[in-house]
Amino acid sequence: MIETFFIYAAEVSAAVFLLYFLGVALAPYAPSSIKNEHFECGLPASAATPKKANFGFFVYAIMFIVADMTVLFVTLFVYGKDPHALTMASLFVLIMAFAIFFSMRELHEQIPKKEK
């Protein structure tokens, strides 16, 4: 079973590298002075004082990272040779689910309600 996982990972890695090198080989090479200049992304500032960023975007990004790491650790637990690995994976998922639930509930309480 683990051999299948390694074969799959090798195939995916080979496909990514193949697509990258294919893109590099087929992309047109047309350097210009504009392309080589430094630039900043986005529109110029429209006000003297910058607007504050929404904190919710940051929290959602952190939640995505937490969920991603949870999947990684659960996979490590499932493929572990310990006989209690599935129990540990289930406990880890349960703890992470409670942590995500309570943090999202707290975030939801901080968002101001719209007035009608």
C-alpha atoms as a PDB file:
ATOM      1  CA  MET A   1       0.000   0.000   0.000  1.00  0.00           C
ATOM      2  CA  ILE A   2       2.811   2.408   0.842  1.00  0.00           C
ATOM      3  CA  GLU A   3       4.519   1.488  -2.427  1.00  0.00           C
ATOM      4  CA  THR A   4       1.393   2.626  -4.287  1.00  0.00           C
ATOM      5  CA  PHE A   5       1.563   5.942  -2.446  1.00  0.00           C
ATOM      6  CA  PHE A   6       5.205   6.467  -3.428  1.00  0.00           C
ATOM      7  CA  ILE A   7       4.498   5.531  -7.050  1.00  0.00           C
ATOM      8  CA  TYR A   8       1.582   8.000  -7.105  1.00  0.00           C
ATOM      9  CA  ALA A   9       3.743  10.748  -5.561  1.00  0.00           C
ATOM     10  CA  ALA A  10       6.504  10.101  -8.097  1.00  0.00           C
ATOM     11  CA  GLU A  11       4.025  10.238 -10.991  1.00  0.00           C
ATOM     12  CA  VAL A  12       2.514  13.504  -9.777  1.00  0.00           C
ATOM     13  CA  SER A  13       5.974  15.017  -9.274  1.00  0.00           C
ATOM     14  CA  ALA A  14       7.065  13.917 -12.749  1.00  0.00           C
ATOM     15  CA  ALA A  15       3.907  15.399 -14.282  1.00  0.00           C
ATOM     16  CA  VAL A  16       4.460  18.741 -12.522  1.00  0.00           C
ATOM     17  CA  PHE A  17       8.081  18.950 -13.673  1.00  0.00           C
ATOM     18  CA  LEU A  18       7.123  17.901 -17.202  1.00  0.00           C
ATOM     19  CA  LEU A  19       4.457  20.602 -17.408  1.00  0.00           C
ATOM     20  CA  TYR A  20       6.879  23.201 -16.014  1.00  0.00           C
ATOM     21  CA  PHE A  21       9.631  22.388 -18.508  1.00  0.00           C
ATOM     22  CA  LEU A  22       7.105  22.184 -21.334  1.00  0.00           C
ATOM     23  CA  GLY A  23       5.882  25.674 -20.431  1.00  0.00           C
ATOM     24  CA  VAL A  24       9.432  27.015 -20.294  1.00  0.00           C
ATOM     25  CA  ALA A  25      10.260  25.434 -23.639  1.00  0.00           C
ATOM     26  CA  LEU A  26       7.140  26.692 -25.445  1.00  0.00           C
ATOM     27  CA  ALA A  27       6.811  30.162 -23.891  1.00  0.00           C
ATOM     28  CA  PRO A  28       7.880  33.010 -26.160  1.00  0.00           C
ATOM     29  CA  TYR A  29      11.055  34.812 -25.088  1.00  0.00           C
ATOM     30  CA  ALA A  30      10.478  38.526 -25.625  1.00  0.00           C
ATOM     31  CA  PRO A  31      12.324  40.663 -23.063  1.00  0.00           C
ATOM     32  CA  SER A  32      11.701  44.402 -23.055  1.00  0.00           C
ATOM     33  CA  SER A  33      12.598  47.381 -20.903  1.00  0.00           C
ATOM     34  CA  ILE A  34       9.104  47.447 -19.390  1.00  0.00           C
ATOM     35  CA  LYS A  35       9.232  43.791 -18.383  1.00  0.00           C
ATOM     36  CA  ASN A  36      12.597  44.243 -16.671  1.00  0.00           C
ATOM     37  CA  GLU A  37      11.539  47.252 -14.567  1.00  0.00           C
ATOM     38  CA  HIS A  38      10.529  46.953 -10.933  1.00  0.00           C
ATOM     39  CA  PHE A  39       6.865  47.440 -10.261  1.00  0.00           C
ATOM     40  CA  GLU A  40       4.283  47.230  -7.516  1.00  0.00           C
ATOM     41  CA  CYS A  41       1.068  45.335  -7.935  1.00  0.00           C
ATOM     42  CA  GLY A  42      -2.317  46.975  -7.679  1.00  0.00           C
ATOM     43  CA  LEU A  43      -3.787  50.364  -8.309  1.00  0.00           C
ATOM     44  CA  PRO A  44      -2.274  53.560  -6.929  1.00  0.00           C
ATOM     45  CA  ALA A  45      -3.552  54.587  -3.514  1.00  0.00           C
ATOM     46  CA  SER A  46      -6.841  56.462  -3.760  1.00  0.00           C
ATOM     47  CA  ALA A  47      -6.701  58.030  -0.288  1.00  0.00           C
ATOM     48  CA  ALA A  48      -4.066  59.570   1.943  1.00  0.00           C
ATOM     49  CA  THR A  49      -4.781  57.113   4.751  1.00  0.00           C
ATOM     50  CA  PRO A  50      -4.834  53.445   3.828  1.00  0.00           C
ATOM     51  CA  LYS A  51      -7.911  51.368   4.553  1.00  0.00           C
ATOM     52  CA  LYS A  52      -7.621  48.709   7.210  1.00  0.00           C
ATOM     53  CA  ALA A  53      -7.614  45.120   6.011  1.00  0.00           C
ATOM     54  CA  ASN A  54     -10.399  42.803   7.059  1.00  0.00           C
ATOM     55  CA  PHE A  55      -9.190  40.541   9.867  1.00  0.00           C
ATOM     56  CA  GLY A  56     -11.477  37.761   8.626  1.00  0.00           C
ATOM     57  CA  PHE A  57      -9.291  37.139   5.580  1.00  0.00           C
ATOM     58  CA  PHE A  58      -6.306  36.518   7.827  1.00  0.00           C
ATOM     59  CA  VAL A  59      -8.292  34.112  10.001  1.00  0.00           C
ATOM     60  CA  TYR A  60      -9.517  32.165   6.975  1.00  0.00           C
ATOM     61  CA  ALA A  61      -5.941  31.886   5.707  1.00  0.00           C
ATOM     62  CA  ILE A  62      -4.801  30.553   9.078  1.00  0.00           C
ATOM     63  CA  MET A  63      -7.735  28.116   9.130  1.00  0.00           C
ATOM     64  CA  PHE A  64      -6.722  26.842   5.696  1.00  0.00           C
ATOM     65  CA  ILE A  65      -3.161  26.238   6.912  1.00  0.00           C
ATOM     66  CA  VAL A  66      -4.467  24.460  10.026  1.00  0.00           C
ATOM     67  CA  ALA A  67      -6.751  22.233   7.927  1.00  0.00           C
ATOM     68  CA  ASP A  68      -3.902  21.496   5.524  1.00  0.00           C
ATOM     69  CA  MET A  69      -1.588  20.478   8.370  1.00  0.00           C
ATOM     70  CA  THR A  70      -4.375  18.387   9.903  1.00  0.00           C
ATOM     71  CA  VAL A  71      -4.697  16.393   6.690  1.00  0.00           C
ATOM     72  CA  LEU A  72      -0.928  15.933   6.589  1.00  0.00           C
ATOM     73  CA  PHE A  73      -0.697  14.654  10.156  1.00  0.00           C
ATOM     74  CA  VAL A  74      -3.738  12.413   9.780  1.00  0.00           C
ATOM     75  CA  THR A  75      -2.117  10.810   6.728  1.00  0.00           C
ATOM     76  CA  LEU A  76       1.047  10.242   8.739  1.00  0.00           C
ATOM     77  CA  PHE A  77      -0.991   8.640  11.522  1.00  0.00           C
ATOM     78  CA  VAL A  78      -2.934   6.421   9.125  1.00  0.00           C
ATOM     79  CA  TYR A  79       0.204   5.146   7.378  1.00  0.00           C
ATOM     80  CA  GLY A  80       1.990   4.629  10.692  1.00  0.00           C
ATOM     81  CA  LYS A  81       2.905   1.132  11.847  1.00  0.00           C
ATOM     82  CA  ASP A  82       1.549   1.656  15.356  1.00  0.00           C
ATOM     83  CA  PRO A  83      -1.580  -0.457  16.019  1.00  0.00           C
ATOM     84  CA  HIS A  84      -3.218   2.523  17.720  1.00  0.00           C
ATOM     85  CA  ALA A  85      -2.491   4.929  14.854  1.00  0.00           C
ATOM     86  CA  LEU A  86      -6.116   5.104  13.691  1.00  0.00           C
ATOM     87  CA  THR A  87      -7.242   5.905  17.236  1.00  0.00           C
ATOM     88  CA  MET A  88      -4.621   8.651  17.448  1.00  0.00           C
ATOM     89  CA  ALA A  89      -5.691  10.026  14.066  1.00  0.00           C
ATOM     90  CA  SER A  90      -9.340  10.083  15.152  1.00  0.00           C
ATOM     91  CA  LEU A  91      -8.467  11.836  18.400  1.00  0.00           C
ATOM     92  CA  PHE A  92      -6.320  14.374  16.546  1.00  0.00           C
ATOM     93  CA  VAL A  93      -9.127  15.115  14.065  1.00  0.00           C
ATOM     94  CA  LEU A  94     -11.635  15.494  16.910  1.00  0.00           C
ATOM     95  CA  ILE A  95      -9.398  17.960  18.763  1.00  0.00           C
ATOM     96  CA  MET A  96      -8.774  19.963  15.585  1.00  0.00           C
ATOM     97  CA  ALA A  97     -12.500  20.010  14.753  1.00  0.00           C
ATOM     98  CA  PHE A  98     -13.317  21.423  18.196  1.00  0.00           C
ATOM     99  CA  ALA A  99     -10.541  24.008  17.908  1.00  0.00           C
ATOM    100  CA  ILE A 100     -11.708  25.142  14.465  1.00  0.00           C
ATOM    101  CA  PHE A 101     -15.362  25.219  15.573  1.00  0.00           C
ATOM    102  CA  PHE A 102     -14.712  27.359  18.644  1.00  0.00           C
ATOM    103  CA  SER A 103     -12.338  29.732  16.864  1.00  0.00           C
ATOM    104  CA  MET A 104     -14.822  30.254  14.008  1.00  0.00           C
ATOM    105  CA  ARG A 105     -17.625  30.817  16.534  1.00  0.00           C
ATOM    106  CA  GLU A 106     -15.516  33.458  18.281  1.00  0.00           C
ATOM    107  CA  LEU A 107     -14.725  35.098  14.951  1.00  0.00           C
ATOM    108  CA  HIS A 108     -18.424  35.112  14.042  1.00  0.00           C
ATOM    109  CA  GLU A 109     -19.246  36.866  17.333  1.00  0.00           C
ATOM    110  CA  GLN A 110     -16.677  39.585  16.589  1.00  0.00           C
ATOM    111  CA  ILE A 111     -18.199  40.449  13.207  1.00  0.00           C
ATOM    112  CA  PRO A 112     -20.577  43.398  13.645  1.00  0.00           C
ATOM    113  CA  LYS A 113     -24.200  42.711  12.751  1.00  0.00           C
ATOM    114  CA  LYS A 114     -25.710  44.695   9.892  1.00  0.00           C
ATOM    115  CA  GLU A 115     -28.372  47.155  10.923  1.00  0.00           C
ATOM    116  CA  LYS A 116     -31.580  47.242   8.915  1.00  0.00           C
END
